[in-house]
Amino acid sequence: MKDQFGREIDYLRISVTDRCNLRCQYCMPAEGIHSLSHNEIMTYEEIVMVCRCVSQLGLRKIKLTGGEPLVRKGFANLVREIKRLPNIEEVTLTTNGILLGEYLAELKEAGLDRINISLDTLDKDKFHEITRVGELDKVLESIKKACTMGFKSIKINSLIMKEWNQIEVANLAGLAKEYPVSVRFIEMMPIGNGKGFRPVYQEEIIKSLEKAYGPMKPFYGKIGNGPASYYEINGFQGKIGFISAVSHEFCDDCNRIRLTSDGNLKLCLQYKNVLNIKELIEDGTTEEQLTQMIQEAIFLKPKKHDFSGISSNVCDEKETKNMAQIGG
């Protein structure tokens, strides 16, 4: 369906949990966050109901995220149930990769189409420093195994920060040379704990990569469902991508909405929720009524974010939660 600015909205990101087995410094405080209770998060049945509703509105692509989605029991069954819906074309996963190797076969059988793996460093000590608890070897083994299993695409998402890993961009990009994966460099957005880190912008990263690997050629083909721009490097199996929400704003082409693990519909990552879907379901709202409410909410999707501080949505309240709580 189209929103008030004529954008085609066809992509829903769903956070299935706010819990995570890592404690990444830019995502949450060292002590973690106050996790929702079992009764506060969306049930799988409620999530499938929402997917049915949005599929009737023209949304065809579902991204499952967290927290870390693989810490929630029965996750592959959720993938299977969503894939059974007649109008859903793709179900994809964003994960930190720690548990992925254990579940790859089950996820493939359930119909999972694509996988995004978050990885910010190839240095074991730095990985443990950034994540506070993680083991790099488990993520690398998951990547290798996933590359052998025939998923439509595997992407590595790397947040580049001046304080931590700017010097590693060439090494991280090298994963796309060694494996058939796309490595995507993501600008840190000033949300939650992320406000305390300085981003490295796209132009700086391109300079570093061209110094290491030679010229980068823009790739105009379609890879996945999101806003990334892609480049090719001679001799690489995969592509290099950029998601630069701050320096290369892509709000005019934004095609997504989000559902938090506690059932709040978010129309823009930066702004607070506009529709509490879980509450509506628990109050007895029918599927037909819910579909209509979601349609009305999507139509009012904000025109753009305000990371620059010059608000175009002066009446909208800014998000204050950490990324793990909103399923960025």
Protein backbone atom coordinates (compact mmCIF):
# COMPACT_ATOMS: atom_id res chain seq x y z
CA MET A 1 0.00 0.00 0.00
CA LYS A 2 1.00 3.65 -0.35
CA ASP A 3 1.45 6.15 2.46
CA GLN A 4 0.45 9.82 2.37
CA PHE A 5 3.62 10.68 0.41
CA GLY A 6 3.06 8.06 -2.25
CA ARG A 7 5.73 5.64 -1.02
CA GLU A 8 5.02 1.95 -1.58
CA ILE A 9 5.18 0.23 1.83
CA ASP A 10 5.80 -3.49 1.31
CA TYR A 11 8.20 -4.51 4.08
CA LEU A 12 7.59 -5.24 7.79
CA ARG A 13 10.40 -5.74 10.30
CA ILE A 14 9.28 -7.70 13.37
CA SER A 15 11.20 -7.88 16.63
CA VAL A 16 10.32 -11.25 18.17
CA THR A 17 12.18 -10.56 21.44
CA ASP A 18 14.07 -7.81 23.24
CA ARG A 19 16.44 -10.37 24.79
CA CYS A 20 19.94 -10.90 23.47
CA ASN A 21 22.89 -13.17 24.25
CA LEU A 22 25.33 -10.30 23.59
CA ARG A 23 25.75 -6.91 25.27
CA CYS A 24 27.08 -4.77 22.42
CA GLN A 25 28.23 -1.41 23.74
CA TYR A 26 26.37 0.66 21.15
CA CYS A 27 23.15 -1.31 21.66
CA MET A 28 22.65 -1.59 25.41
CA PRO A 29 24.31 -0.85 28.76
CA ALA A 30 26.65 -3.40 30.34
CA GLU A 31 23.99 -4.54 32.80
CA GLY A 32 21.60 -5.15 29.92
CA ILE A 33 18.06 -3.82 29.75
CA HIS A 34 14.92 -4.60 31.72
CA SER A 35 13.56 -7.41 29.57
CA LEU A 36 9.88 -7.82 28.92
CA SER A 37 8.08 -10.68 30.62
CA HIS A 38 6.65 -13.55 28.61
CA ASN A 39 3.16 -12.07 28.90
CA GLU A 40 4.32 -8.70 27.57
CA ILE A 41 5.77 -9.86 24.25
CA MET A 42 3.80 -10.76 21.16
CA THR A 43 2.90 -14.42 20.94
CA TYR A 44 3.76 -16.23 17.74
CA GLU A 45 0.05 -16.51 17.00
CA GLU A 46 -0.32 -12.73 17.32
CA ILE A 47 2.69 -12.16 15.06
CA VAL A 48 1.25 -14.44 12.38
CA MET A 49 -2.07 -12.60 12.67
CA VAL A 50 -0.31 -9.27 12.05
CA CYS A 51 1.49 -10.77 9.05
CA ARG A 52 -1.85 -11.87 7.64
CA CYS A 53 -3.22 -8.36 8.13
CA VAL A 54 -0.33 -6.57 6.45
CA SER A 55 -0.24 -9.09 3.60
CA GLN A 56 -3.77 -7.99 2.72
CA LEU A 57 -2.44 -4.44 2.47
CA GLY A 58 0.28 -5.33 -0.03
CA LEU A 59 3.20 -5.97 2.32
CA ARG A 60 5.02 -9.01 0.95
CA LYS A 61 8.34 -9.14 2.79
CA ILE A 62 8.90 -9.93 6.47
CA LYS A 63 12.16 -9.43 8.36
CA LEU A 64 12.48 -11.17 11.75
CA THR A 65 14.85 -9.57 14.21
CA GLY A 66 15.36 -8.95 17.94
CA GLY A 67 17.17 -8.50 20.31
CA GLU A 68 18.55 -11.78 19.10
CA PRO A 69 15.66 -13.73 17.54
CA LEU A 70 17.31 -17.15 17.88
CA VAL A 71 17.19 -17.00 21.69
CA ARG A 72 13.41 -17.38 21.50
CA LYS A 73 12.25 -21.00 21.52
CA GLY A 74 10.42 -22.33 18.50
CA PHE A 75 11.65 -19.58 16.19
CA ALA A 76 11.86 -21.83 13.12
CA ASN A 77 8.17 -22.70 13.56
CA LEU A 78 7.34 -19.00 13.32
CA VAL A 79 9.27 -18.78 10.05
CA ARG A 80 7.34 -21.78 8.76
CA GLU A 81 3.93 -20.32 9.69
CA ILE A 82 4.66 -16.95 8.08
CA LYS A 83 5.97 -18.61 4.91
CA ARG A 84 2.66 -20.50 4.65
CA LEU A 85 0.72 -17.25 4.24
CA PRO A 86 -0.31 -16.99 0.58
CA ASN A 87 0.75 -13.40 -0.04
CA ILE A 88 4.12 -13.40 1.72
CA GLU A 89 7.01 -13.63 -0.75
CA GLU A 90 10.03 -13.61 1.56
CA VAL A 91 10.90 -14.16 5.20
CA THR A 92 14.38 -13.06 6.24
CA LEU A 93 16.40 -13.04 9.46
CA THR A 94 18.79 -10.64 11.16
CA THR A 95 21.01 -12.35 13.76
CA ASN A 96 24.30 -11.88 15.57
CA GLY A 97 25.30 -15.35 14.35
CA ILE A 98 26.25 -16.85 17.71
CA LEU A 99 23.47 -19.47 17.63
CA LEU A 100 22.92 -19.52 13.89
CA GLY A 101 25.03 -22.58 13.13
CA GLU A 102 22.85 -24.72 15.40
CA TYR A 103 19.63 -23.75 13.62
CA LEU A 104 20.61 -23.36 9.96
CA ALA A 105 19.24 -26.71 8.80
CA GLU A 106 15.92 -26.17 10.62
CA LEU A 107 15.60 -22.62 9.29
CA LYS A 108 16.32 -23.72 5.74
CA GLU A 109 13.68 -26.45 6.00
CA ALA A 110 11.19 -23.90 7.38
CA GLY A 111 11.62 -21.76 4.27
CA LEU A 112 13.86 -18.91 5.43
CA ASP A 113 14.98 -16.96 2.34
CA ARG A 114 17.79 -14.62 3.39
CA ILE A 115 20.10 -14.08 6.36
CA ASN A 116 21.75 -10.90 7.67
CA ILE A 117 24.56 -11.43 10.19
CA SER A 118 25.82 -8.57 12.35
CA LEU A 119 29.62 -8.52 12.62
CA ASP A 120 31.69 -5.44 13.44
CA THR A 121 35.22 -6.83 13.73
CA LEU A 122 37.41 -9.79 12.79
CA ASP A 123 39.67 -9.30 15.79
CA LYS A 124 38.79 -11.76 18.58
CA ASP A 125 39.75 -9.43 21.41
CA LYS A 126 37.95 -6.47 19.87
CA PHE A 127 34.88 -8.62 19.24
CA HIS A 128 34.77 -9.55 22.91
CA GLU A 129 35.30 -5.91 23.87
CA ILE A 130 32.46 -4.65 21.66
CA THR A 131 30.01 -7.43 22.53
CA ARG A 132 31.26 -7.83 26.12
CA VAL A 133 30.50 -11.59 26.07
CA GLY A 134 30.68 -12.92 22.50
CA GLU A 135 32.96 -15.44 20.79
CA LEU A 136 33.98 -14.51 17.24
CA ASP A 137 34.70 -18.09 16.13
CA LYS A 138 31.02 -19.06 16.46
CA VAL A 139 29.97 -16.25 14.12
CA LEU A 140 32.61 -17.07 11.52
CA GLU A 141 31.64 -20.75 11.55
CA SER A 142 27.99 -19.77 11.07
CA ILE A 143 28.90 -17.65 8.05
CA LYS A 144 30.90 -20.46 6.45
CA LYS A 145 28.13 -22.99 7.03
CA ALA A 146 25.37 -20.69 5.78
CA CYS A 147 27.28 -20.13 2.52
CA THR A 148 26.92 -23.82 1.69
CA MET A 149 23.15 -24.07 2.17
CA GLY A 150 21.58 -22.27 -0.76
CA PHE A 151 19.94 -19.23 0.84
CA LYS A 152 18.99 -16.46 -1.61
CA SER A 153 21.54 -14.14 -0.03
CA ILE A 154 23.76 -13.78 3.00
CA LYS A 155 24.72 -10.30 4.15
CA ILE A 156 27.20 -9.17 6.77
CA ASN A 157 26.15 -5.96 8.53
CA SER A 158 29.02 -3.95 10.02
CA LEU A 159 28.57 -0.82 12.11
CA ILE A 160 31.71 1.26 11.69
CA MET A 161 32.70 3.55 14.57
CA LYS A 162 35.71 5.82 14.90
CA GLU A 163 36.30 4.62 18.45
CA TRP A 164 36.38 0.91 17.62
CA ASN A 165 36.82 -0.46 14.16
CA GLN A 166 37.45 2.17 11.50
CA ILE A 167 40.81 0.58 10.70
CA GLU A 168 39.10 -2.75 9.97
CA VAL A 169 36.95 -1.80 7.00
CA ALA A 170 39.28 -3.45 4.47
CA ASN A 171 39.47 -6.68 6.48
CA LEU A 172 35.69 -6.81 6.89
CA ALA A 173 35.15 -6.10 3.19
CA GLY A 174 37.51 -8.99 2.48
CA LEU A 175 34.76 -11.39 3.60
CA ALA A 176 33.01 -10.58 0.31
CA LYS A 177 36.15 -11.62 -1.53
CA GLU A 178 36.52 -14.89 0.36
CA TYR A 179 32.82 -15.85 0.48
CA PRO A 180 29.69 -15.25 -1.66
CA VAL A 181 28.31 -12.67 0.76
CA SER A 182 27.53 -8.96 0.63
CA VAL A 183 29.33 -6.90 3.28
CA ARG A 184 27.34 -3.80 4.20
CA PHE A 185 28.73 -0.87 6.14
CA ILE A 186 26.09 0.82 8.28
CA GLU A 187 26.26 4.31 9.71
CA MET A 188 25.70 4.52 13.44
CA MET A 189 22.37 6.24 14.06
CA PRO A 190 21.98 8.56 17.06
CA ILE A 191 19.48 6.37 18.90
CA GLY A 192 19.86 5.01 22.46
CA ASN A 193 23.44 4.05 23.34
CA GLY A 194 24.42 4.75 19.75
CA LYS A 195 24.42 8.47 20.51
CA GLY A 196 27.72 7.98 22.35
CA PHE A 197 29.65 6.81 19.26
CA ARG A 198 30.98 8.71 16.28
CA PRO A 199 30.00 7.27 12.88
CA VAL A 200 32.33 6.81 9.94
CA TYR A 201 30.68 8.08 6.79
CA GLN A 202 30.38 6.34 3.46
CA GLU A 203 32.93 8.47 1.60
CA GLU A 204 35.63 7.72 4.16
CA ILE A 205 35.00 4.00 3.90
CA ILE A 206 35.07 4.04 0.09
CA LYS A 207 38.46 5.78 0.17
CA SER A 208 39.84 3.11 2.49
CA LEU A 209 38.46 0.28 0.37
CA GLU A 210 39.72 1.69 -2.93
CA LYS A 211 43.14 2.15 -1.40
CA ALA A 212 43.14 -1.53 -0.41
CA TYR A 213 41.37 -3.13 -3.38
CA GLY A 214 41.24 -0.69 -6.28
CA PRO A 215 38.27 1.01 -7.95
CA MET A 216 34.72 0.29 -6.81
CA LYS A 217 32.01 0.17 -9.46
CA PRO A 218 28.37 0.99 -8.60
CA PHE A 219 26.04 -2.02 -8.84
CA TYR A 220 22.50 -1.18 -9.93
CA GLY A 221 20.93 -4.62 -9.57
CA LYS A 222 18.49 -5.56 -6.82
CA ILE A 223 19.80 -7.31 -3.70
CA GLY A 224 17.21 -7.91 -1.00
CA ASN A 225 14.48 -5.56 0.20
CA GLY A 226 16.21 -2.68 1.94
CA PRO A 227 17.74 0.73 1.16
CA ALA A 228 21.40 -0.26 0.72
CA SER A 229 23.43 0.96 -2.25
CA TYR A 230 25.92 -1.58 -3.60
CA TYR A 231 29.32 -1.63 -5.30
CA GLU A 232 31.41 -4.26 -7.05
CA ILE A 233 35.14 -4.81 -6.66
CA ASN A 234 37.10 -6.79 -9.20
CA GLY A 235 37.87 -10.30 -7.93
CA PHE A 236 35.18 -10.29 -5.21
CA GLN A 237 32.52 -13.01 -5.01
CA GLY A 238 30.07 -10.71 -3.23
CA LYS A 239 29.16 -7.04 -3.21
CA ILE A 240 29.98 -4.13 -0.88
CA GLY A 241 26.96 -2.22 0.41
CA PHE A 242 26.26 0.96 2.34
CA ILE A 243 23.30 1.87 4.54
CA SER A 244 23.93 5.54 5.23
CA ALA A 245 20.79 6.85 6.86
CA VAL A 246 22.42 10.05 8.11
CA SER A 247 24.82 11.19 5.37
CA HIS A 248 22.80 9.76 2.44
CA GLU A 249 19.22 10.02 3.66
CA PHE A 250 16.89 7.61 1.87
CA CYS A 251 13.57 8.53 3.51
CA ASP A 252 11.96 9.34 0.15
CA ASP A 253 12.29 5.67 -0.78
CA CYS A 254 11.56 4.15 2.65
CA ASN A 255 9.37 1.08 2.18
CA ARG A 256 9.20 -0.30 5.72
CA ILE A 257 7.40 -0.29 9.02
CA ARG A 258 8.38 -2.03 12.27
CA LEU A 259 6.68 -4.05 14.98
CA THR A 260 8.35 -4.10 18.39
CA SER A 261 8.43 -7.23 20.52
CA ASP A 262 5.75 -5.78 22.82
CA GLY A 263 3.43 -5.17 19.89
CA ASN A 264 3.88 -1.51 19.04
CA LEU A 265 3.78 -0.50 15.40
CA LYS A 266 6.58 1.93 14.49
CA LEU A 267 6.37 3.88 11.28
CA CYS A 268 9.86 5.41 11.55
CA LEU A 269 12.82 4.19 13.57
CA GLN A 270 13.40 7.58 15.18
CA TYR A 271 9.87 8.28 16.38
CA LYS A 272 7.77 6.69 19.06
CA ASN A 273 5.00 4.22 18.45
CA VAL A 274 1.61 5.10 17.02
CA LEU A 275 -0.40 1.89 17.40
CA ASN A 276 -0.33 -0.72 20.18
CA ILE A 277 -1.32 -3.82 18.26
CA LYS A 278 -0.94 -6.28 21.13
CA GLU A 279 -3.34 -4.25 23.26
CA LEU A 280 -5.85 -4.12 20.42
CA ILE A 281 -5.73 -7.88 19.92
CA GLU A 282 -6.12 -8.54 23.64
CA ASP A 283 -9.10 -6.17 23.72
CA GLY A 284 -10.87 -8.31 21.14
CA THR A 285 -10.20 -6.32 17.97
CA THR A 286 -11.05 -8.49 14.98
CA GLU A 287 -8.57 -9.21 12.23
CA GLU A 288 -10.61 -7.14 9.79
CA GLN A 289 -10.68 -4.18 12.19
CA LEU A 290 -6.96 -4.52 12.90
CA THR A 291 -6.15 -4.53 9.19
CA GLN A 292 -8.07 -1.27 8.78
CA MET A 293 -6.28 0.33 11.75
CA ILE A 294 -2.87 -0.70 10.43
CA GLN A 295 -3.77 0.71 7.02
CA GLU A 296 -4.74 4.05 8.56
CA ALA A 297 -1.51 4.13 10.60
CA ILE A 298 0.73 3.33 7.62
CA PHE A 299 -0.87 6.13 5.63
CA LEU A 300 0.38 8.59 8.28
CA LYS A 301 4.01 7.40 8.15
CA PRO A 302 6.30 10.43 8.76
CA LYS A 303 7.97 12.02 5.75
CA LYS A 304 11.51 11.66 7.10
CA HIS A 305 13.69 11.17 10.16
CA ASP A 306 15.27 14.07 12.01
CA PHE A 307 18.79 12.86 12.76
CA SER A 308 20.05 16.26 11.57
CA GLY A 309 18.08 18.00 14.35
CA ILE A 310 16.02 20.10 11.96
CA SER A 311 12.63 18.56 12.52
CA SER A 312 10.14 18.07 9.74
CA ASN A 313 7.83 16.26 12.18
CA VAL A 314 7.71 18.69 15.07
CA CYS A 315 4.66 17.03 16.63
CA ASP A 316 6.23 13.57 16.78
CA GLU A 317 7.95 12.40 19.96
CA LYS A 318 11.48 11.04 19.53
CA GLU A 319 12.37 7.46 20.44
CA THR A 320 14.34 7.09 23.70
CA LYS A 321 14.74 3.31 23.92
CA ASN A 322 17.83 1.32 22.97
CA MET A 323 18.00 -0.52 19.66
CA ALA A 324 17.57 -3.94 21.30
CA GLN A 325 14.19 -2.77 22.60
CA ILE A 326 12.85 -1.46 19.30
CA GLY A 327 14.26 -3.98 16.84
CA GLY A 328 16.06 -1.44 14.66
